[in-house]
């Protein structure tokens, strides 16, 4: 008899250790949310996967690459190819610091800022879908709890290196 694929997650046995693991649950939801997000945003090149990075650059024009990497938990070496892609696609530009030639600062381009504003509407729609089953108070509580987890990780992880 041929094997059937498990179609209903209710049929799946999830070990208690995973059911009770905040880290596992965050990662699982991140994967699901990311896949849904990427599917809906396919017409914007690689920018949607770096939406958070782009919004941080927008809010901090001229942010040093090192600081940007720390902000999003990336190693500096992992950030460089991302910035190269976003530069090629016209979203960002990198400039040497006027005070320290070793420091590269990141800015949105004019086109990047305009495209990011358009992308924001779609991101907001996706966020609304993801949180549709939460009340505003529940969403605020969830964001507060996640911020607390982030603070704990930053205090103990020490950021990207």
Protein backbone atom coordinates (compact mmCIF):
# COMPACT_ATOMS: atom_id res chain seq x y z
CA UNK A 1 0.00 0.00 0.00
CA UNK A 2 1.56 3.36 -0.99
CA UNK A 3 2.43 5.87 1.70
CA UNK A 4 0.16 8.88 1.99
CA UNK A 5 1.41 12.32 2.78
CA UNK A 6 0.30 13.80 6.07
CA UNK A 7 -2.10 16.56 5.03
CA UNK A 8 -3.51 17.48 8.44
CA UNK A 9 -1.08 18.83 11.00
CA UNK A 10 -3.44 17.48 13.69
CA UNK A 11 -2.21 14.00 12.69
CA UNK A 12 1.35 14.99 13.55
CA UNK A 13 2.87 14.13 16.90
CA UNK A 14 4.91 17.10 18.07
CA UNK A 15 7.18 16.31 21.02
CA UNK A 16 6.32 18.24 24.17
CA UNK A 17 9.80 19.75 24.21
CA UNK A 18 9.02 21.45 20.88
CA UNK A 19 5.47 22.42 21.85
CA UNK A 20 6.86 24.19 24.90
CA UNK A 21 9.88 25.76 23.21
CA UNK A 22 9.57 29.48 22.54
CA UNK A 23 12.61 29.37 20.26
CA UNK A 24 11.18 26.54 18.17
CA UNK A 25 7.75 28.16 17.92
CA UNK A 26 9.25 31.51 16.88
CA UNK A 27 11.37 29.80 14.22
CA UNK A 28 8.47 27.74 12.89
CA UNK A 29 6.24 30.80 12.62
CA UNK A 30 9.06 32.82 11.07
CA UNK A 31 9.41 30.22 8.32
CA UNK A 32 5.66 30.14 7.65
CA UNK A 33 5.33 33.92 7.72
CA UNK A 34 8.37 34.36 5.49
CA UNK A 35 7.07 31.91 2.88
CA UNK A 36 3.68 33.60 2.81
CA UNK A 37 5.30 37.03 2.64
CA UNK A 38 7.66 36.09 -0.19
CA UNK A 39 4.83 34.54 -2.18
CA UNK A 40 2.75 37.72 -1.98
CA UNK A 41 5.68 40.07 -2.67
CA UNK A 42 7.31 38.32 -5.62
CA UNK A 43 7.07 41.35 -7.91
CA UNK A 44 9.59 43.45 -5.97
CA UNK A 45 12.83 41.57 -6.63
CA UNK A 46 14.82 40.64 -3.54
CA UNK A 47 13.76 43.71 -1.52
CA UNK A 48 10.82 42.12 0.36
CA UNK A 49 13.10 39.67 2.15
CA UNK A 50 15.14 42.66 3.31
CA UNK A 51 12.19 44.92 4.16
CA UNK A 52 13.23 45.21 7.82
CA UNK A 53 16.79 46.09 6.85
CA UNK A 54 15.54 48.72 4.40
CA UNK A 55 13.24 50.27 7.01
CA UNK A 56 16.16 50.47 9.46
CA UNK A 57 18.27 52.22 6.81
CA UNK A 58 15.37 54.58 6.08
CA UNK A 59 15.06 55.46 9.78
CA UNK A 60 18.85 55.77 10.20
CA UNK A 61 20.26 57.32 7.01
CA UNK A 62 23.98 56.74 6.80
CA UNK A 63 23.96 53.89 9.30
CA UNK A 64 27.37 52.20 9.40
CA UNK A 65 27.33 48.70 7.91
CA UNK A 66 28.62 47.26 11.19
CA UNK A 67 25.78 48.81 13.18
CA UNK A 68 23.22 47.65 10.61
CA UNK A 69 24.53 44.08 10.86
CA UNK A 70 24.23 44.19 14.65
CA UNK A 71 20.69 45.56 14.46
CA UNK A 72 19.47 42.57 12.44
CA UNK A 73 21.63 39.85 14.02
CA UNK A 74 23.84 39.31 10.98
CA UNK A 75 27.57 38.88 10.72
CA UNK A 76 29.17 41.74 8.81
CA UNK A 77 30.37 39.25 6.21
CA UNK A 78 26.77 38.07 5.65
CA UNK A 79 25.51 41.64 5.26
CA UNK A 80 27.92 42.59 2.44
CA UNK A 81 26.40 40.36 -0.29
CA UNK A 82 22.91 41.52 0.71
CA UNK A 83 23.96 45.15 0.37
CA UNK A 84 25.65 44.39 -2.96
CA UNK A 85 22.38 42.91 -4.26
CA UNK A 86 20.31 45.84 -2.97
CA UNK A 87 22.84 48.25 -4.50
CA UNK A 88 22.64 46.50 -7.88
CA UNK A 89 18.84 46.64 -7.73
CA UNK A 90 18.95 50.36 -6.94
CA UNK A 91 17.57 50.26 -3.39
CA UNK A 92 20.62 51.43 -1.44
CA UNK A 93 23.97 53.07 -1.87
CA UNK A 94 27.05 52.79 0.31
CA UNK A 95 29.41 55.67 0.90
CA UNK A 96 32.68 55.89 2.73
CA UNK A 97 32.55 57.90 5.92
CA UNK A 98 34.08 61.35 5.65
CA UNK A 99 35.77 60.87 9.04
CA UNK A 100 36.90 57.23 8.82
CA UNK A 101 37.57 55.71 5.38
CA UNK A 102 37.20 52.17 6.81
CA UNK A 103 33.55 52.81 7.65
CA UNK A 104 30.91 52.32 4.97
CA UNK A 105 27.58 54.07 5.53
CA UNK A 106 24.32 52.86 4.02
CA UNK A 107 21.62 55.12 2.52
CA UNK A 108 18.42 54.50 0.61
CA UNK A 109 18.51 55.81 -2.94
CA UNK A 110 15.72 58.12 -4.08
CA UNK A 111 14.23 55.24 -6.09
CA UNK A 112 14.70 52.92 -3.12
CA UNK A 113 12.75 55.27 -0.86
CA UNK A 114 9.94 55.57 -3.42
CA UNK A 115 9.76 51.80 -3.96
CA UNK A 116 9.88 51.15 -0.23
CA UNK A 117 6.86 53.41 0.30
CA UNK A 118 4.93 51.35 -2.27
CA UNK A 119 6.09 48.08 -0.74
CA UNK A 120 4.91 49.23 2.70
CA UNK A 121 1.25 48.97 1.71
CA UNK A 122 1.69 45.32 0.77
CA UNK A 123 3.66 44.61 3.95
CA UNK A 124 0.87 46.19 6.00
CA UNK A 125 -1.71 43.99 4.24
CA UNK A 126 0.38 40.89 5.02
CA UNK A 127 0.74 41.94 8.66
CA UNK A 128 -3.03 42.36 8.87
CA UNK A 129 -3.53 38.84 7.50
CA UNK A 130 -0.98 37.32 9.91
CA UNK A 131 -2.56 38.96 12.96
CA UNK A 132 -6.21 38.72 11.86
CA UNK A 133 -7.11 36.42 14.75
CA UNK A 134 -5.61 38.73 17.40
CA UNK A 135 -7.28 41.65 19.09
CA UNK A 136 -5.30 44.91 19.15
CA UNK A 137 -4.53 44.26 22.83
CA UNK A 138 -3.33 40.72 22.11
CA UNK A 139 -1.12 41.99 19.29
CA UNK A 140 0.35 44.64 21.61
CA UNK A 141 0.99 41.99 24.26
CA UNK A 142 2.65 39.69 21.73
CA UNK A 143 4.89 42.50 20.47
CA UNK A 144 5.81 43.39 24.04
CA UNK A 145 6.69 39.79 24.86
CA UNK A 146 8.77 39.44 21.69
CA UNK A 147 10.59 42.69 22.53
CA UNK A 148 11.43 41.25 25.93
CA UNK A 149 12.80 38.08 24.33
CA UNK A 150 14.84 40.27 21.95
CA UNK A 151 16.31 42.27 24.85
CA UNK A 152 17.26 39.04 26.61
CA UNK A 153 18.91 37.66 23.50
CA UNK A 154 20.81 40.88 22.83
CA UNK A 155 22.00 41.00 26.44
CA UNK A 156 23.20 37.39 26.34
CA UNK A 157 24.13 36.93 22.69
CA UNK A 158 26.18 40.09 22.37
CA UNK A 159 24.96 40.87 18.85
CA UNK A 160 26.53 39.89 15.55
CA UNK A 161 30.27 39.79 15.15
